[in-house]
Amino acid sequence: VHGYPVLINDEHLVQSAKQIASQILGTENVINLDIRMTSEDF
C-alpha cells in the first residue's frame, strides 16, 4: 500500500525561515536537524 512520498524541504525557504527563527530565539536555539525515517503527508 503506497503511503506518503519523500519530504523535501526547499533550501531557500528553510534558510529564510532559519534567519527569522534566529532573530526571535537566538542562533543557539535554532537546531540543524538530521534526516528522519518517519513520514509525514506534508
PDB file of all heavy atoms in Angstrom:
ATOM      1  N   VAL A   1       0.855  -1.185   0.000  1.00  0.00           N
ATOM      2  CA  VAL A   1       0.000   0.000   0.000  1.00  0.00           C
ATOM      3  C   VAL A   1       0.888   1.230   0.000  1.00  0.00           C
ATOM      4  O   VAL A   1       1.613   1.498   0.962  1.00  0.00           O
ATOM      5  CB  VAL A   1      -0.936   0.014   1.226  1.00  0.00           C
ATOM      6  CG1 VAL A   1      -1.803   1.269   1.221  1.00  0.00           C
ATOM      7  CG2 VAL A   1      -1.803  -1.247   1.246  1.00  0.00           C
ATOM      8  N   HIS A   2       0.827   1.985  -1.097  1.00  0.00           N
ATOM      9  CA  HIS A   2       1.665   3.171  -1.232  1.00  0.00           C
ATOM     10  C   HIS A   2       1.226   4.238  -0.239  1.00  0.00           C
ATOM     11  O   HIS A   2       0.063   4.643  -0.201  1.00  0.00           O
ATOM     12  CB  HIS A   2       1.574   3.722  -2.659  1.00  0.00           C
ATOM     13  CG  HIS A   2       2.237   2.855  -3.674  1.00  0.00           C
ATOM     14  ND1 HIS A   2       3.154   3.327  -4.584  1.00  0.00           N
ATOM     15  CD2 HIS A   2       2.145   1.525  -3.919  1.00  0.00           C
ATOM     16  CE1 HIS A   2       3.574   2.338  -5.340  1.00  0.00           C
ATOM     17  NE2 HIS A   2       2.966   1.230  -4.957  1.00  0.00           N
ATOM     18  N   GLY A   3       2.180   4.697   0.554  1.00  0.00           N
ATOM     19  CA  GLY A   3       1.910   5.738   1.535  1.00  0.00           C
ATOM     20  C   GLY A   3       2.451   7.074   1.097  1.00  0.00           C
ATOM     21  O   GLY A   3       2.384   7.440  -0.083  1.00  0.00           O
ATOM     22  N   TYR A   4       3.032   7.806   2.034  1.00  0.00           N
ATOM     23  CA  TYR A   4       3.482   9.163   1.761  1.00  0.00           C
ATOM     24  C   TYR A   4       4.825   9.165   1.048  1.00  0.00           C
ATOM     25  O   TYR A   4       5.670   8.297   1.283  1.00  0.00           O
ATOM     26  CB  TYR A   4       3.581   9.948   3.067  1.00  0.00           C
ATOM     27  CG  TYR A   4       2.296   9.947   3.870  1.00  0.00           C
ATOM     28  CD1 TYR A   4       2.304  10.074   5.252  1.00  0.00           C
ATOM     29  CD2 TYR A   4       1.060   9.789   3.239  1.00  0.00           C
ATOM     30  CE1 TYR A   4       1.131  10.072   5.983  1.00  0.00           C
ATOM     31  CE2 TYR A   4      -0.118   9.788   3.956  1.00  0.00           C
ATOM     32  CZ  TYR A   4      -0.089   9.916   5.334  1.00  0.00           C
ATOM     33  OH  TYR A   4      -1.253   9.904   6.049  1.00  0.00           O
ATOM     34  N   PRO A   5       5.061  10.148   0.190  1.00  0.00           N
ATOM     35  CA  PRO A   5       6.343  10.224  -0.511  1.00  0.00           C
ATOM     36  C   PRO A   5       7.433  10.838   0.361  1.00  0.00           C
ATOM     37  O   PRO A   5       7.204  11.203   1.526  1.00  0.00           O
ATOM     38  CB  PRO A   5       6.017  11.136  -1.705  1.00  0.00           C
ATOM     39  CG  PRO A   5       4.933  12.040  -1.196  1.00  0.00           C
ATOM     40  CD  PRO A   5       4.112  11.192  -0.247  1.00  0.00           C
ATOM     41  N   VAL A   6       8.614  10.954  -0.193  1.00  0.00           N
ATOM     42  CA  VAL A   6       9.735  11.606   0.487  1.00  0.00           C
ATOM     43  C   VAL A   6       9.421  13.092   0.666  1.00  0.00           C
ATOM     44  O   VAL A   6       8.907  13.747  -0.244  1.00  0.00           O
ATOM     45  CB  VAL A   6      11.029  11.438  -0.329  1.00  0.00           C
ATOM     46  CG1 VAL A   6      12.177  12.219   0.296  1.00  0.00           C
ATOM     47  CG2 VAL A   6      11.390   9.961  -0.455  1.00  0.00           C
ATOM     48  N   LEU A   7       9.725  13.609   1.854  1.00  0.00           N
ATOM     49  CA  LEU A   7       9.510  15.031   2.118  1.00  0.00           C
ATOM     50  C   LEU A   7      10.802  15.780   1.839  1.00  0.00           C
ATOM     51  O   LEU A   7      11.850  15.481   2.427  1.00  0.00           O
ATOM     52  CB  LEU A   7       9.066  15.249   3.567  1.00  0.00           C
ATOM     53  CG  LEU A   7       8.525  16.636   3.945  1.00  0.00           C
ATOM     54  CD1 LEU A   7       7.599  16.537   5.151  1.00  0.00           C
ATOM     55  CD2 LEU A   7       9.625  17.646   4.207  1.00  0.00           C
ATOM     56  N   ILE A   8      10.723  16.757   0.953  1.00  0.00           N
ATOM     57  CA  ILE A   8      11.903  17.520   0.538  1.00  0.00           C
ATOM     58  C   ILE A   8      11.690  18.988   0.880  1.00  0.00           C
ATOM     59  O   ILE A   8      10.746  19.625   0.395  1.00  0.00           O
ATOM     60  CB  ILE A   8      12.158  17.362  -0.975  1.00  0.00           C
ATOM     61  CG1 ILE A   8      12.286  15.872  -1.340  1.00  0.00           C
ATOM     62  CG2 ILE A   8      13.410  18.127  -1.385  1.00  0.00           C
ATOM     63  CD1 ILE A   8      12.349  15.606  -2.835  1.00  0.00           C
ATOM     64  N   ASN A   9      12.549  19.522   1.720  1.00  0.00           N
ATOM     65  CA  ASN A   9      12.481  20.932   2.096  1.00  0.00           C
ATOM     66  C   ASN A   9      13.274  21.789   1.117  1.00  0.00           C
ATOM     67  O   ASN A   9      14.405  21.449   0.751  1.00  0.00           O
ATOM     68  CB  ASN A   9      13.026  21.137   3.509  1.00  0.00           C
ATOM     69  CG  ASN A   9      11.987  20.891   4.586  1.00  0.00           C
ATOM     70  OD1 ASN A   9      10.796  21.083   4.360  1.00  0.00           O
ATOM     71  ND2 ASN A   9      12.443  20.457   5.756  1.00  0.00           N
ATOM     72  N   ASP A  10      12.676  22.904   0.729  1.00  0.00           N
ATOM     73  CA  ASP A  10      13.315  23.839  -0.185  1.00  0.00           C
ATOM     74  C   ASP A  10      14.411  24.625   0.551  1.00  0.00           C
ATOM     75  O   ASP A  10      14.168  25.224   1.609  1.00  0.00           O
ATOM     76  CB  ASP A  10      12.272  24.806  -0.743  1.00  0.00           C
ATOM     77  CG  ASP A  10      12.864  25.821  -1.693  1.00  0.00           C
ATOM     78  OD1 ASP A  10      13.075  25.469  -2.859  1.00  0.00           O
ATOM     79  OD2 ASP A  10      13.127  26.964  -1.245  1.00  0.00           O
ATOM     80  N   GLU A  11      15.613  24.623   0.004  1.00  0.00           N
ATOM     81  CA  GLU A  11      16.753  25.233   0.687  1.00  0.00           C
ATOM     82  C   GLU A  11      16.545  26.724   0.931  1.00  0.00           C
ATOM     83  O   GLU A  11      16.855  27.239   2.020  1.00  0.00           O
ATOM     84  CB  GLU A  11      18.027  25.004  -0.126  1.00  0.00           C
ATOM     85  CG  GLU A  11      19.274  25.549   0.548  1.00  0.00           C
ATOM     86  CD  GLU A  11      20.554  25.223  -0.211  1.00  0.00           C
ATOM     87  OE1 GLU A  11      20.474  24.494  -1.224  1.00  0.00           O
ATOM     88  OE2 GLU A  11      21.627  25.699   0.222  1.00  0.00           O
ATOM     89  N   HIS A  12      16.026  27.435  -0.053  1.00  0.00           N
ATOM     90  CA  HIS A  12      15.834  28.882   0.092  1.00  0.00           C
ATOM     91  C   HIS A  12      14.825  29.192   1.187  1.00  0.00           C
ATOM     92  O   HIS A  12      15.071  30.067   2.040  1.00  0.00           O
ATOM     93  CB  HIS A  12      15.373  29.486  -1.231  1.00  0.00           C
ATOM     94  CG  HIS A  12      14.968  30.926  -1.123  1.00  0.00           C
ATOM     95  ND1 HIS A  12      15.860  31.933  -0.861  1.00  0.00           N
ATOM     96  CD2 HIS A  12      13.743  31.511  -1.211  1.00  0.00           C
ATOM     97  CE1 HIS A  12      15.214  33.099  -0.797  1.00  0.00           C
ATOM     98  NE2 HIS A  12      13.936  32.865  -1.007  1.00  0.00           N
ATOM     99  N   LEU A  13      13.703  28.485   1.197  1.00  0.00           N
ATOM    100  CA  LEU A  13      12.688  28.736   2.220  1.00  0.00           C
ATOM    101  C   LEU A  13      13.199  28.389   3.609  1.00  0.00           C
ATOM    102  O   LEU A  13      12.928  29.100   4.584  1.00  0.00           O
ATOM    103  CB  LEU A  13      11.421  27.941   1.911  1.00  0.00           C
ATOM    104  CG  LEU A  13      10.639  28.311   0.656  1.00  0.00           C
ATOM    105  CD1 LEU A  13       9.365  27.473   0.566  1.00  0.00           C
ATOM    106  CD2 LEU A  13      10.302  29.792   0.617  1.00  0.00           C
ATOM    107  N   VAL A  14      13.947  27.284   3.710  1.00  0.00           N
ATOM    108  CA  VAL A  14      14.493  26.880   5.007  1.00  0.00           C
ATOM    109  C   VAL A  14      15.463  27.932   5.531  1.00  0.00           C
ATOM    110  O   VAL A  14      15.401  28.330   6.710  1.00  0.00           O
ATOM    111  CB  VAL A  14      15.189  25.509   4.908  1.00  0.00           C
ATOM    112  CG1 VAL A  14      16.008  25.223   6.169  1.00  0.00           C
ATOM    113  CG2 VAL A  14      14.152  24.409   4.700  1.00  0.00           C
ATOM    114  N   GLN A  15      16.374  28.415   4.686  1.00  0.00           N
ATOM    115  CA  GLN A  15      17.337  29.411   5.130  1.00  0.00           C
ATOM    116  C   GLN A  15      16.658  30.705   5.553  1.00  0.00           C
ATOM    117  O   GLN A  15      17.042  31.332   6.554  1.00  0.00           O
ATOM    118  CB  GLN A  15      18.367  29.673   4.025  1.00  0.00           C
ATOM    119  CG  GLN A  15      19.284  28.496   3.739  1.00  0.00           C
ATOM    120  CD  GLN A  15      19.988  27.981   4.987  1.00  0.00           C
ATOM    121  OE1 GLN A  15      20.520  28.757   5.789  1.00  0.00           O
ATOM    122  NE2 GLN A  15      20.001  26.662   5.165  1.00  0.00           N
ATOM    123  N   SER A  16      15.635  31.105   4.826  1.00  0.00           N
ATOM    124  CA  SER A  16      14.897  32.317   5.184  1.00  0.00           C
ATOM    125  C   SER A  16      14.187  32.143   6.519  1.00  0.00           C
ATOM    126  O   SER A  16      14.209  33.033   7.379  1.00  0.00           O
ATOM    127  CB  SER A  16      13.884  32.658   4.084  1.00  0.00           C
ATOM    128  OG  SER A  16      14.533  32.934   2.862  1.00  0.00           O
ATOM    129  N   ALA A  17      13.565  30.971   6.713  1.00  0.00           N
ATOM    130  CA  ALA A  17      12.856  30.704   7.967  1.00  0.00           C
ATOM    131  C   ALA A  17      13.827  30.615   9.138  1.00  0.00           C
ATOM    132  O   ALA A  17      13.532  31.078  10.249  1.00  0.00           O
ATOM    133  CB  ALA A  17      12.049  29.414   7.841  1.00  0.00           C
ATOM    134  N   LYS A  18      14.995  30.027   8.919  1.00  0.00           N
ATOM    135  CA  LYS A  18      16.007  29.925   9.977  1.00  0.00           C
ATOM    136  C   LYS A  18      16.473  31.306  10.429  1.00  0.00           C
ATOM    137  O   LYS A  18      16.704  31.543  11.625  1.00  0.00           O
ATOM    138  CB  LYS A  18      17.211  29.106   9.493  1.00  0.00           C
ATOM    139  CG  LYS A  18      16.975  27.609   9.447  1.00  0.00           C
ATOM    140  CD  LYS A  18      18.175  26.866   8.907  1.00  0.00           C
ATOM    141  CE  LYS A  18      19.348  26.898   9.871  1.00  0.00           C
ATOM    142  NZ  LYS A  18      20.474  26.050   9.380  1.00  0.00           N
ATOM    143  N   GLN A  19      16.615  32.222   9.479  1.00  0.00           N
ATOM    144  CA  GLN A  19      17.028  33.579   9.833  1.00  0.00           C
ATOM    145  C   GLN A  19      15.988  34.245  10.722  1.00  0.00           C
ATOM    146  O   GLN A  19      16.332  34.912  11.714  1.00  0.00           O
ATOM    147  CB  GLN A  19      17.248  34.402   8.563  1.00  0.00           C
ATOM    148  CG  GLN A  19      18.481  33.996   7.771  1.00  0.00           C
ATOM    149  CD  GLN A  19      18.653  34.815   6.503  1.00  0.00           C
ATOM    150  OE1 GLN A  19      17.919  35.761   6.250  1.00  0.00           O
ATOM    151  NE2 GLN A  19      19.626  34.438   5.687  1.00  0.00           N
ATOM    152  N   ILE A  20      14.713  34.062  10.387  1.00  0.00           N
ATOM    153  CA  ILE A  20      13.644  34.622  11.209  1.00  0.00           C
ATOM    154  C   ILE A  20      13.673  34.006  12.600  1.00  0.00           C
ATOM    155  O   ILE A  20      13.587  34.701  13.615  1.00  0.00           O
ATOM    156  CB  ILE A  20      12.278  34.385  10.543  1.00  0.00           C
ATOM    157  CG1 ILE A  20      12.196  35.135   9.217  1.00  0.00           C
ATOM    158  CG2 ILE A  20      11.136  34.795  11.470  1.00  0.00           C
ATOM    159  CD1 ILE A  20      12.361  36.635   9.340  1.00  0.00           C
ATOM    160  N   ALA A  21      13.781  32.680  12.650  1.00  0.00           N
ATOM    161  CA  ALA A  21      13.802  31.992  13.942  1.00  0.00           C
ATOM    162  C   ALA A  21      14.986  32.437  14.788  1.00  0.00           C
ATOM    163  O   ALA A  21      14.872  32.586  16.013  1.00  0.00           O
ATOM    164  CB  ALA A  21      13.837  30.479  13.721  1.00  0.00           C
ATOM    165  N   SER A  22      16.129  32.671  14.153  1.00  0.00           N
ATOM    166  CA  SER A  22      17.314  33.115  14.884  1.00  0.00           C
ATOM    167  C   SER A  22      17.101  34.493  15.496  1.00  0.00           C
ATOM    168  O   SER A  22      17.574  34.777  16.609  1.00  0.00           O
ATOM    169  CB  SER A  22      18.532  33.138  13.957  1.00  0.00           C
ATOM    170  OG  SER A  22      18.855  31.841  13.499  1.00  0.00           O
ATOM    171  N   GLN A  23      16.385  35.352  14.777  1.00  0.00           N
ATOM    172  CA  GLN A  23      16.089  36.685  15.298  1.00  0.00           C
ATOM    173  C   GLN A  23      15.169  36.617  16.514  1.00  0.00           C
ATOM    174  O   GLN A  23      15.295  37.411  17.446  1.00  0.00           O
ATOM    175  CB  GLN A  23      15.447  37.538  14.204  1.00  0.00           C
ATOM    176  CG  GLN A  23      16.373  37.867  13.040  1.00  0.00           C
ATOM    177  CD  GLN A  23      15.647  38.509  11.873  1.00  0.00           C
ATOM    178  OE1 GLN A  23      14.517  38.989  12.006  1.00  0.00           O
ATOM    179  NE2 GLN A  23      16.282  38.523  10.716  1.00  0.00           N
ATOM    180  N   ILE A  24      14.262  35.650  16.515  1.00  0.00           N
ATOM    181  CA  ILE A  24      13.312  35.522  17.616  1.00  0.00           C
ATOM    182  C   ILE A  24      13.936  34.834  18.821  1.00  0.00           C
ATOM    183  O   ILE A  24      13.813  35.290  19.962  1.00  0.00           O
ATOM    184  CB  ILE A  24      12.073  34.706  17.168  1.00  0.00           C
ATOM    185  CG1 ILE A  24      11.378  35.369  15.973  1.00  0.00           C
ATOM    186  CG2 ILE A  24      11.086  34.533  18.320  1.00  0.00           C
ATOM    187  CD1 ILE A  24      10.318  34.475  15.334  1.00  0.00           C
ATOM    188  N   LEU A  25      14.638  33.732  18.581  1.00  0.00           N
ATOM    189  CA  LEU A  25      15.074  32.842  19.653  1.00  0.00           C
ATOM    190  C   LEU A  25      16.567  32.874  19.929  1.00  0.00           C
ATOM    191  O   LEU A  25      17.009  32.362  20.955  1.00  0.00           O
ATOM    192  CB  LEU A  25      14.667  31.402  19.311  1.00  0.00           C
ATOM    193  CG  LEU A  25      13.171  31.162  19.083  1.00  0.00           C
ATOM    194  CD1 LEU A  25      12.948  29.761  18.529  1.00  0.00           C
ATOM    195  CD2 LEU A  25      12.392  31.370  20.365  1.00  0.00           C
ATOM    196  N   GLY A  26      17.331  33.452  19.000  1.00  0.00           N
ATOM    197  CA  GLY A  26      18.781  33.394  19.113  1.00  0.00           C
ATOM    198  C   GLY A  26      19.331  32.220  18.318  1.00  0.00           C
ATOM    199  O   GLY A  26      18.718  31.146  18.290  1.00  0.00           O
ATOM    200  N   THR A  27      20.468  32.424  17.701  1.00  0.00           N
ATOM    201  CA  THR A  27      21.054  31.394  16.839  1.00  0.00           C
ATOM    202  C   THR A  27      21.287  30.087  17.587  1.00  0.00           C
ATOM    203  O   THR A  27      21.131  28.990  17.023  1.00  0.00           O
ATOM    204  CB  THR A  27      22.389  31.888  16.252  1.00  0.00           C
ATOM    205  OG1 THR A  27      22.175  33.121  15.566  1.00  0.00           O
ATOM    206  CG2 THR A  27      22.970  30.865  15.280  1.00  0.00           C
ATOM    207  N   GLU A  28      21.628  30.185  18.857  1.00  0.00           N
ATOM    208  CA  GLU A  28      21.927  28.986  19.640  1.00  0.00           C
ATOM    209  C   GLU A  28      20.700  28.100  19.852  1.00  0.00           C
ATOM    210  O   GLU A  28      20.827  26.917  20.216  1.00  0.00           O
ATOM    211  CB  GLU A  28      22.518  29.365  21.004  1.00  0.00           C
ATOM    212  CG  GLU A  28      21.556  30.048  21.965  1.00  0.00           C
ATOM    213  CD  GLU A  28      21.377  31.541  21.722  1.00  0.00           C
ATOM    214  OE1 GLU A  28      21.882  32.054  20.689  1.00  0.00           O
ATOM    215  OE2 GLU A  28      20.740  32.203  22.571  1.00  0.00           O
ATOM    216  N   ASN A  29      19.518  28.638  19.635  1.00  0.00           N
ATOM    217  CA  ASN A  29      18.282  27.875  19.827  1.00  0.00           C
ATOM    218  C   ASN A  29      17.643  27.419  18.510  1.00  0.00           C
ATOM    219  O   ASN A  29      16.518  26.926  18.512  1.00  0.00           O
ATOM    220  CB  ASN A  29      17.279  28.704  20.623  1.00  0.00           C
ATOM    221  CG  ASN A  29      17.727  28.904  22.056  1.00  0.00           C
ATOM    222  OD1 ASN A  29      18.140  27.966  22.718  1.00  0.00           O
ATOM    223  ND2 ASN A  29      17.666  30.146  22.533  1.00  0.00           N
ATOM    224  N   VAL A  30      18.371  27.604  17.425  1.00  0.00           N
ATOM    225  CA  VAL A  30      17.928  27.116  16.118  1.00  0.00           C
ATOM    226  C   VAL A  30      18.810  25.934  15.756  1.00  0.00           C
ATOM    227  O   VAL A  30      20.014  26.081  15.526  1.00  0.00           O
ATOM    228  CB  VAL A  30      17.992  28.220  15.056  1.00  0.00           C
ATOM    229  CG1 VAL A  30      17.570  27.666  13.692  1.00  0.00           C
ATOM    230  CG2 VAL A  30      17.104  29.391  15.452  1.00  0.00           C
ATOM    231  N   ILE A  31      18.218  24.750  15.717  1.00  0.00           N
ATOM    232  CA  ILE A  31      18.960  23.491  15.628  1.00  0.00           C
ATOM    233  C   ILE A  31      18.948  22.971  14.188  1.00  0.00           C
ATOM    234  O   ILE A  31      17.920  23.012  13.503  1.00  0.00           O
ATOM    235  CB  ILE A  31      18.329  22.443  16.566  1.00  0.00           C
ATOM    236  CG1 ILE A  31      18.388  22.939  18.017  1.00  0.00           C
ATOM    237  CG2 ILE A  31      19.019  21.094  16.427  1.00  0.00           C
ATOM    238  CD1 ILE A  31      17.549  22.116  18.969  1.00  0.00           C
ATOM    239  N   ASN A  32      20.116  22.491  13.754  1.00  0.00           N
ATOM    240  CA  ASN A  32      20.201  21.806  12.466  1.00  0.00           C
ATOM    241  C   ASN A  32      19.859  20.334  12.680  1.00  0.00           C
ATOM    242  O   ASN A  32      20.566  19.625  13.401  1.00  0.00           O
ATOM    243  CB  ASN A  32      21.607  21.948  11.874  1.00  0.00           C
ATOM    244  CG  ASN A  32      21.923  23.375  11.483  1.00  0.00           C
ATOM    245  OD1 ASN A  32      21.103  24.065  10.896  1.00  0.00           O
ATOM    246  ND2 ASN A  32      23.123  23.829  11.817  1.00  0.00           N
ATOM    247  N   LEU A  33      18.790  19.883  12.080  1.00  0.00           N
ATOM    248  CA  LEU A  33      18.271  18.543  12.316  1.00  0.00           C
ATOM    249  C   LEU A  33      18.882  17.513  11.375  1.00  0.00           C
ATOM    250  O   LEU A  33      19.294  17.834  10.258  1.00  0.00           O
ATOM    251  CB  LEU A  33      16.748  18.536  12.132  1.00  0.00           C
ATOM    252  CG  LEU A  33      15.943  19.456  13.045  1.00  0.00           C
ATOM    253  CD1 LEU A  33      14.480  19.449  12.612  1.00  0.00           C
ATOM    254  CD2 LEU A  33      16.074  19.021  14.497  1.00  0.00           C
ATOM    255  N   ASP A  34      18.901  16.270  11.823  1.00  0.00           N
ATOM    256  CA  ASP A  34      19.249  15.145  10.964  1.00  0.00           C
ATOM    257  C   ASP A  34      18.016  14.718  10.173  1.00  0.00           C
ATOM    258  O   ASP A  34      16.881  15.113  10.473  1.00  0.00           O
ATOM    259  CB  ASP A  34      19.743  13.965  11.803  1.00  0.00           C
ATOM    260  CG  ASP A  34      21.067  14.253  12.480  1.00  0.00           C
ATOM    261  OD1 ASP A  34      21.884  15.009  11.910  1.00  0.00           O
ATOM    262  OD2 ASP A  34      21.281  13.735  13.599  1.00  0.00           O
ATOM    263  N   ILE A  35      18.234  13.876   9.160  1.00  0.00           N
ATOM    264  CA  ILE A  35      17.104  13.299   8.438  1.00  0.00           C
ATOM    265  C   ILE A  35      16.315  12.390   9.372  1.00  0.00           C
ATOM    266  O   ILE A  35      16.831  11.917  10.386  1.00  0.00           O
ATOM    267  CB  ILE A  35      17.567  12.513   7.193  1.00  0.00           C
ATOM    268  CG1 ILE A  35      18.476  11.350   7.602  1.00  0.00           C
ATOM    269  CG2 ILE A  35      18.252  13.430   6.201  1.00  0.00           C
ATOM    270  CD1 ILE A  35      18.784  10.400   6.463  1.00  0.00           C
ATOM    271  N   ARG A  36      15.060  12.137   9.022  1.00  0.00           N
ATOM    272  CA  ARG A  36      14.192  11.280   9.832  1.00  0.00           C
ATOM    273  C   ARG A  36      13.590  10.192   8.945  1.00  0.00           C
ATOM    274  O   ARG A  36      13.172  10.472   7.813  1.00  0.00           O
ATOM    275  CB  ARG A  36      13.046  12.094  10.449  1.00  0.00           C
ATOM    276  CG  ARG A  36      13.488  13.145  11.445  1.00  0.00           C
ATOM    277  CD  ARG A  36      12.291  13.947  11.927  1.00  0.00           C
ATOM    278  NE  ARG A  36      11.325  13.124  12.636  1.00  0.00           N
ATOM    279  CZ  ARG A  36      11.318  12.945  13.953  1.00  0.00           C
ATOM    280  NH1 ARG A  36      12.234  13.541  14.707  1.00  0.00           N
ATOM    281  NH2 ARG A  36      10.405  12.189  14.533  1.00  0.00           N
ATOM    282  N   MET A  37      13.516   8.971   9.485  1.00  0.00           N
ATOM    283  CA  MET A  37      12.891   7.881   8.746  1.00  0.00           C
ATOM    284  C   MET A  37      11.395   7.790   9.019  1.00  0.00           C
ATOM    285  O   MET A  37      10.724   6.896   8.505  1.00  0.00           O
ATOM    286  CB  MET A  37      13.576   6.559   9.078  1.00  0.00           C
ATOM    287  CG  MET A  37      15.044   6.495   8.682  1.00  0.00           C
ATOM    288  SD  MET A  37      15.375   6.976   6.964  1.00  0.00           S
ATOM    289  CE  MET A  37      14.595   5.610   6.079  1.00  0.00           C
ATOM    290  N   THR A  38      10.877   8.707   9.833  1.00  0.00           N
ATOM    291  CA  THR A  38       9.426   8.832   9.963  1.00  0.00           C
ATOM    292  C   THR A  38       8.890   9.531   8.715  1.00  0.00           C
ATOM    293  O   THR A  38       9.651  10.068   7.900  1.00  0.00           O
ATOM    294  CB  THR A  38       9.064   9.626  11.222  1.00  0.00           C
ATOM    295  OG1 THR A  38       9.782  10.870  11.210  1.00  0.00           O
ATOM    296  CG2 THR A  38       9.420   8.850  12.475  1.00  0.00           C
ATOM    297  N   SER A  39       7.573   9.540   8.576  1.00  0.00           N
ATOM    298  CA  SER A  39       6.971  10.123   7.374  1.00  0.00           C
ATOM    299  C   SER A  39       5.875  11.103   7.757  1.00  0.00           C
ATOM    300  O   SER A  39       5.374  11.103   8.884  1.00  0.00           O
ATOM    301  CB  SER A  39       6.413   9.026   6.460  1.00  0.00           C
ATOM    302  OG  SER A  39       5.393   8.308   7.125  1.00  0.00           O
ATOM    303  N   GLU A  40       5.477  11.924   6.801  1.00  0.00           N
ATOM    304  CA  GLU A  40       4.505  12.992   7.011  1.00  0.00           C
ATOM    305  C   GLU A  40       3.792  13.268   5.702  1.00  0.00           C
ATOM    306  O   GLU A  40       4.429  13.352   4.660  1.00  0.00           O
ATOM    307  CB  GLU A  40       5.232  14.268   7.457  1.00  0.00           C
ATOM    308  CG  GLU A  40       4.779  14.858   8.764  1.00  0.00           C
ATOM    309  CD  GLU A  40       3.442  15.598   8.701  1.00  0.00           C
ATOM    310  OE1 GLU A  40       2.946  15.842   7.593  1.00  0.00           O
ATOM    311  OE2 GLU A  40       2.919  15.940   9.774  1.00  0.00           O
ATOM    312  N   ASP A  41       2.459  13.452   5.764  1.00  0.00           N
ATOM    313  CA  ASP A  41       1.780  13.700   4.496  1.00  0.00           C
ATOM    314  C   ASP A  41       1.967  15.126   4.002  1.00  0.00           C
ATOM    315  O   ASP A  41       1.553  15.461   2.891  1.00  0.00           O
ATOM    316  CB  ASP A  41       0.299  13.296   4.561  1.00  0.00           C
ATOM    317  CG  ASP A  41      -0.623  14.343   5.150  1.00  0.00           C
ATOM    318  OD1 ASP A  41      -0.152  15.209   5.912  1.00  0.00           O
ATOM    319  OD2 ASP A  41      -1.831  14.279   4.849  1.00  0.00           O
ATOM    320  N   PHE A  42       2.647  15.982   4.785  1.00  0.00           N
ATOM    321  CA  PHE A  42       3.090  17.282   4.264  1.00  0.00           C
ATOM    322  C   PHE A  42       3.956  17.080   3.029  1.00  0.00           C
ATOM    323  O   PHE A  42       4.074  17.980   2.181  1.00  0.00           O
ATOM    324  CB  PHE A  42       3.868  18.029   5.353  1.00  0.00           C
ATOM    325  CG  PHE A  42       4.182  19.471   5.024  1.00  0.00           C
ATOM    326  CD1 PHE A  42       3.284  20.477   5.330  1.00  0.00           C
ATOM    327  CD2 PHE A  42       5.385  19.814   4.430  1.00  0.00           C
ATOM    328  CE1 PHE A  42       3.576  21.807   5.040  1.00  0.00           C
ATOM    329  CE2 PHE A  42       5.692  21.139   4.132  1.00  0.00           C
ATOM    330  CZ  PHE A  42       4.777  22.142   4.440  1.00  0.00           C
TER     331      PHE A  42
END
